[in-house]
């Protein structure tokens, strides 16, 4: 199977597991990723985002392959409600 076909057939659940593995440096079972596994997993995450990421978050790859970054003011606005809710607790 080619890399492109692999990405096209990757389920959102597998993408989320790869993304979590890259973020934490561990597989879902707790085993650490090797350097090579992390590199391949990161390539898979970026490729999946470039194909399917319709609502990109800050500093992710948007559908079409564009890097999506938000300005500081956009990030403040996005998290304003979450911050005020947390402070009320």
N, C-alpha and C. Protein backbone atom coordinates (compact mmCIF):
# COMPACT_ATOMS: atom_id res chain seq x y z
N UNK A 1 0.85 -1.17 0.00
CA UNK A 1 0.00 0.00 0.00
C UNK A 1 0.90 1.24 0.00
N UNK A 2 0.56 2.22 -0.81
CA UNK A 2 1.35 3.44 -0.88
C UNK A 2 1.06 4.33 0.34
N UNK A 3 1.96 5.26 0.59
CA UNK A 3 1.78 6.19 1.71
C UNK A 3 0.48 6.98 1.55
N UNK A 4 0.21 7.47 0.33
CA UNK A 4 -1.02 8.24 0.09
C UNK A 4 -2.27 7.41 0.37
N UNK A 5 -2.28 6.15 -0.07
CA UNK A 5 -3.43 5.28 0.21
C UNK A 5 -3.56 5.00 1.69
N UNK A 6 -2.44 4.84 2.35
CA UNK A 6 -2.46 4.61 3.80
C UNK A 6 -3.12 5.78 4.52
N UNK A 7 -2.74 7.00 4.15
CA UNK A 7 -3.31 8.20 4.77
C UNK A 7 -4.79 8.33 4.44
N UNK A 8 -5.17 8.09 3.19
CA UNK A 8 -6.58 8.20 2.78
C UNK A 8 -7.46 7.20 3.51
N UNK A 9 -6.90 6.05 3.87
CA UNK A 9 -7.66 5.01 4.55
C UNK A 9 -7.52 5.04 6.07
N UNK A 10 -6.77 5.99 6.59
CA UNK A 10 -6.58 6.10 8.04
C UNK A 10 -7.85 6.66 8.68
N UNK A 11 -8.34 5.96 9.68
CA UNK A 11 -9.54 6.44 10.37
C UNK A 11 -9.19 7.60 11.30
N UNK A 12 -10.17 8.42 11.65
CA UNK A 12 -9.92 9.49 12.61
C UNK A 12 -9.40 8.96 13.95
N UNK A 13 -9.83 7.77 14.35
CA UNK A 13 -9.36 7.19 15.60
C UNK A 13 -7.86 6.88 15.55
N UNK A 14 -7.40 6.33 14.43
CA UNK A 14 -5.97 6.03 14.28
C UNK A 14 -5.18 7.33 14.24
N UNK A 15 -5.71 8.34 13.56
CA UNK A 15 -5.06 9.66 13.53
C UNK A 15 -4.90 10.20 14.95
N UNK A 16 -5.96 10.13 15.75
CA UNK A 16 -5.90 10.65 17.13
C UNK A 16 -4.86 9.89 17.96
N UNK A 17 -4.75 8.59 17.75
CA UNK A 17 -3.75 7.81 18.48
C UNK A 17 -2.33 8.19 18.06
N UNK A 18 -2.13 8.38 16.75
CA UNK A 18 -0.82 8.82 16.28
C UNK A 18 -0.48 10.20 16.83
N UNK A 19 -1.45 11.09 16.79
CA UNK A 19 -1.24 12.45 17.29
C UNK A 19 -0.88 12.42 18.78
N UNK A 20 -1.61 11.64 19.56
CA UNK A 20 -1.33 11.53 20.99
C UNK A 20 0.05 10.93 21.23
N UNK A 21 0.42 9.95 20.41
CA UNK A 21 1.74 9.32 20.56
C UNK A 21 2.85 10.33 20.28
N UNK A 22 2.67 11.15 19.27
CA UNK A 22 3.67 12.17 18.95
C UNK A 22 3.75 13.20 20.07
N UNK A 23 2.60 13.60 20.59
CA UNK A 23 2.57 14.62 21.65
C UNK A 23 3.19 14.12 22.95
N UNK A 24 2.95 12.86 23.30
CA UNK A 24 3.41 12.34 24.58
C UNK A 24 4.73 11.57 24.49
N UNK A 25 5.06 11.11 23.28
CA UNK A 25 6.26 10.30 23.11
C UNK A 25 6.05 8.84 23.50
N UNK A 26 4.77 8.47 23.70
CA UNK A 26 4.44 7.10 24.10
C UNK A 26 3.24 6.60 23.29
N UNK A 27 3.23 5.29 23.05
CA UNK A 27 2.06 4.66 22.44
C UNK A 27 0.96 4.59 23.48
N UNK A 28 -0.25 4.28 23.04
CA UNK A 28 -1.39 4.25 23.96
C UNK A 28 -1.22 3.21 25.07
N UNK A 29 -0.36 2.21 24.84
CA UNK A 29 -0.12 1.20 25.87
C UNK A 29 1.01 1.57 26.83
N UNK A 30 1.59 2.77 26.64
CA UNK A 30 2.62 3.25 27.54
C UNK A 30 4.05 3.04 27.07
N UNK A 31 4.24 2.24 26.02
CA UNK A 31 5.58 2.01 25.49
C UNK A 31 6.10 3.26 24.79
N UNK A 32 7.34 3.62 25.02
CA UNK A 32 7.88 4.83 24.36
C UNK A 32 8.11 4.61 22.87
N UNK A 33 7.94 5.68 22.10
CA UNK A 33 8.24 5.65 20.67
C UNK A 33 9.75 5.72 20.48
N UNK A 34 10.23 5.01 19.48
CA UNK A 34 11.62 5.18 19.09
C UNK A 34 11.71 6.47 18.28
N UNK A 35 12.91 6.94 18.06
CA UNK A 35 13.09 8.15 17.26
C UNK A 35 12.49 7.96 15.87
N UNK A 36 12.73 6.79 15.28
CA UNK A 36 12.21 6.50 13.95
C UNK A 36 10.68 6.45 13.94
N UNK A 37 10.09 5.82 14.96
CA UNK A 37 8.63 5.76 15.06
C UNK A 37 8.02 7.16 15.19
N UNK A 38 8.67 8.01 15.99
CA UNK A 38 8.16 9.36 16.17
C UNK A 38 8.21 10.14 14.86
N UNK A 39 9.28 9.98 14.10
CA UNK A 39 9.40 10.65 12.80
C UNK A 39 8.31 10.20 11.84
N UNK A 40 8.09 8.89 11.75
CA UNK A 40 7.05 8.37 10.86
C UNK A 40 5.65 8.76 11.33
N UNK A 41 5.43 8.70 12.63
CA UNK A 41 4.12 9.08 13.16
C UNK A 41 3.83 10.55 12.89
N UNK A 42 4.83 11.39 13.05
CA UNK A 42 4.65 12.82 12.79
C UNK A 42 4.35 13.07 11.31
N UNK A 43 5.04 12.36 10.43
CA UNK A 43 4.74 12.47 9.00
C UNK A 43 3.30 12.06 8.72
N UNK A 44 2.85 10.99 9.36
CA UNK A 44 1.47 10.55 9.19
C UNK A 44 0.47 11.55 9.69
N UNK A 45 0.75 12.16 10.84
CA UNK A 45 -0.15 13.17 11.40
C UNK A 45 -0.26 14.37 10.45
N UNK A 46 0.88 14.88 10.00
CA UNK A 46 0.85 16.03 9.08
C UNK A 46 0.16 15.69 7.77
N UNK A 47 0.42 14.51 7.23
CA UNK A 47 -0.21 14.11 5.97
C UNK A 47 -1.72 13.97 6.13
N UNK A 48 -2.16 13.38 7.26
CA UNK A 48 -3.60 13.25 7.51
C UNK A 48 -4.24 14.63 7.64
N UNK A 49 -3.58 15.53 8.38
CA UNK A 49 -4.12 16.88 8.54
C UNK A 49 -4.23 17.58 7.19
N UNK A 50 -3.24 17.41 6.34
CA UNK A 50 -3.26 18.05 5.02
C UNK A 50 -4.41 17.54 4.16
N UNK A 51 -4.85 16.32 4.40
CA UNK A 51 -5.96 15.74 3.63
C UNK A 51 -7.33 16.05 4.23
N UNK A 52 -7.43 16.04 5.56
CA UNK A 52 -8.75 16.03 6.19
C UNK A 52 -9.02 17.10 7.24
N UNK A 53 -8.05 17.91 7.61
CA UNK A 53 -8.23 18.86 8.71
C UNK A 53 -9.03 20.08 8.27
N UNK A 54 -10.35 19.98 8.37
CA UNK A 54 -11.26 21.05 7.94
C UNK A 54 -11.30 22.22 8.93
N UNK A 55 -11.04 21.95 10.21
CA UNK A 55 -11.08 22.99 11.23
C UNK A 55 -9.76 22.98 11.99
N UNK A 56 -8.72 23.51 11.38
CA UNK A 56 -7.40 23.44 12.02
C UNK A 56 -7.30 24.29 13.27
N UNK A 57 -6.60 23.75 14.24
CA UNK A 57 -6.30 24.49 15.46
C UNK A 57 -4.97 25.20 15.25
N UNK A 58 -4.59 25.98 16.22
CA UNK A 58 -3.34 26.73 16.13
C UNK A 58 -2.16 25.81 15.89
N UNK A 59 -1.34 26.18 14.96
CA UNK A 59 -0.10 25.49 14.61
C UNK A 59 -0.32 24.02 14.23
N UNK A 60 -1.31 23.81 13.37
CA UNK A 60 -1.51 22.51 12.75
C UNK A 60 -1.53 22.71 11.25
N UNK A 61 -1.56 21.63 10.51
CA UNK A 61 -1.64 21.70 9.06
C UNK A 61 -3.10 21.67 8.68
N UNK A 62 -3.53 22.63 7.89
CA UNK A 62 -4.91 22.70 7.44
C UNK A 62 -5.09 21.85 6.19
N UNK A 63 -6.33 21.53 5.87
CA UNK A 63 -6.63 20.78 4.66
C UNK A 63 -6.03 21.55 3.48
N UNK A 64 -5.32 20.87 2.63
CA UNK A 64 -4.64 21.49 1.51
C UNK A 64 -3.15 21.68 1.77
N UNK A 65 -2.72 21.44 3.01
CA UNK A 65 -1.30 21.48 3.33
C UNK A 65 -0.77 22.79 3.85
N UNK A 66 -1.62 23.78 4.07
CA UNK A 66 -1.17 25.07 4.60
C UNK A 66 -0.99 24.99 6.12
N UNK A 67 0.11 25.57 6.62
CA UNK A 67 0.31 25.64 8.07
C UNK A 67 -0.66 26.69 8.62
N UNK A 68 -1.41 26.32 9.66
CA UNK A 68 -2.41 27.22 10.24
C UNK A 68 -1.88 27.76 11.56
N UNK A 69 -1.72 29.07 11.61
CA UNK A 69 -1.27 29.72 12.85
C UNK A 69 -2.23 30.86 13.16
N UNK A 70 -2.51 31.03 14.42
CA UNK A 70 -3.38 32.12 14.85
C UNK A 70 -2.54 33.20 15.51
N UNK A 71 -3.04 34.43 15.41
CA UNK A 71 -2.36 35.53 16.07
C UNK A 71 -2.60 35.44 17.58
N UNK A 72 -1.83 36.19 18.32
CA UNK A 72 -1.98 36.20 19.77
C UNK A 72 -3.39 36.64 20.16
N UNK A 73 -3.92 37.65 19.48
CA UNK A 73 -5.27 38.13 19.81
C UNK A 73 -6.33 37.08 19.48
N UNK A 74 -6.15 36.33 18.39
CA UNK A 74 -7.09 35.26 18.05
C UNK A 74 -7.07 34.16 19.10
N UNK A 75 -5.89 33.81 19.57
CA UNK A 75 -5.78 32.79 20.61
C UNK A 75 -6.40 33.26 21.92
N UNK A 76 -6.17 34.53 22.28
CA UNK A 76 -6.78 35.06 23.51
C UNK A 76 -8.30 35.00 23.42
N UNK A 77 -8.84 35.38 22.27
CA UNK A 77 -10.29 35.36 22.09
C UNK A 77 -10.82 33.93 22.17
N UNK A 78 -10.13 33.00 21.54
CA UNK A 78 -10.56 31.60 21.54
C UNK A 78 -10.61 31.03 22.95
N UNK A 79 -9.64 31.37 23.77
CA UNK A 79 -9.56 30.78 25.11
C UNK A 79 -10.13 31.68 26.20
N UNK A 80 -10.66 32.84 25.83
CA UNK A 80 -11.21 33.79 26.81
C UNK A 80 -12.30 33.14 27.66
N UNK A 81 -13.25 32.49 27.03
CA UNK A 81 -14.35 31.87 27.76
C UNK A 81 -13.85 30.75 28.66
N UNK A 82 -12.92 29.94 28.16
CA UNK A 82 -12.39 28.83 28.96
C UNK A 82 -11.65 29.35 30.18
N UNK A 83 -10.91 30.43 30.03
CA UNK A 83 -10.16 30.99 31.14
C UNK A 83 -11.10 31.57 32.19
N UNK A 84 -12.12 32.31 31.77
CA UNK A 84 -13.03 32.93 32.72
C UNK A 84 -13.84 31.87 33.46
N UNK A 85 -14.20 30.78 32.80
CA UNK A 85 -14.94 29.70 33.46
C UNK A 85 -14.05 29.04 34.51
N UNK A 86 -12.80 28.79 34.18
CA UNK A 86 -11.89 28.15 35.11
C UNK A 86 -11.63 29.03 36.33
N UNK A 87 -11.54 30.34 36.15
CA UNK A 87 -11.27 31.24 37.27
C UNK A 87 -12.45 31.31 38.23
N UNK A 88 -13.65 31.04 37.77
CA UNK A 88 -14.83 31.09 38.63
C UNK A 88 -14.92 29.88 39.54
N UNK A 89 -14.26 28.78 39.21
CA UNK A 89 -14.33 27.55 40.01
C UNK A 89 -13.78 27.71 41.39
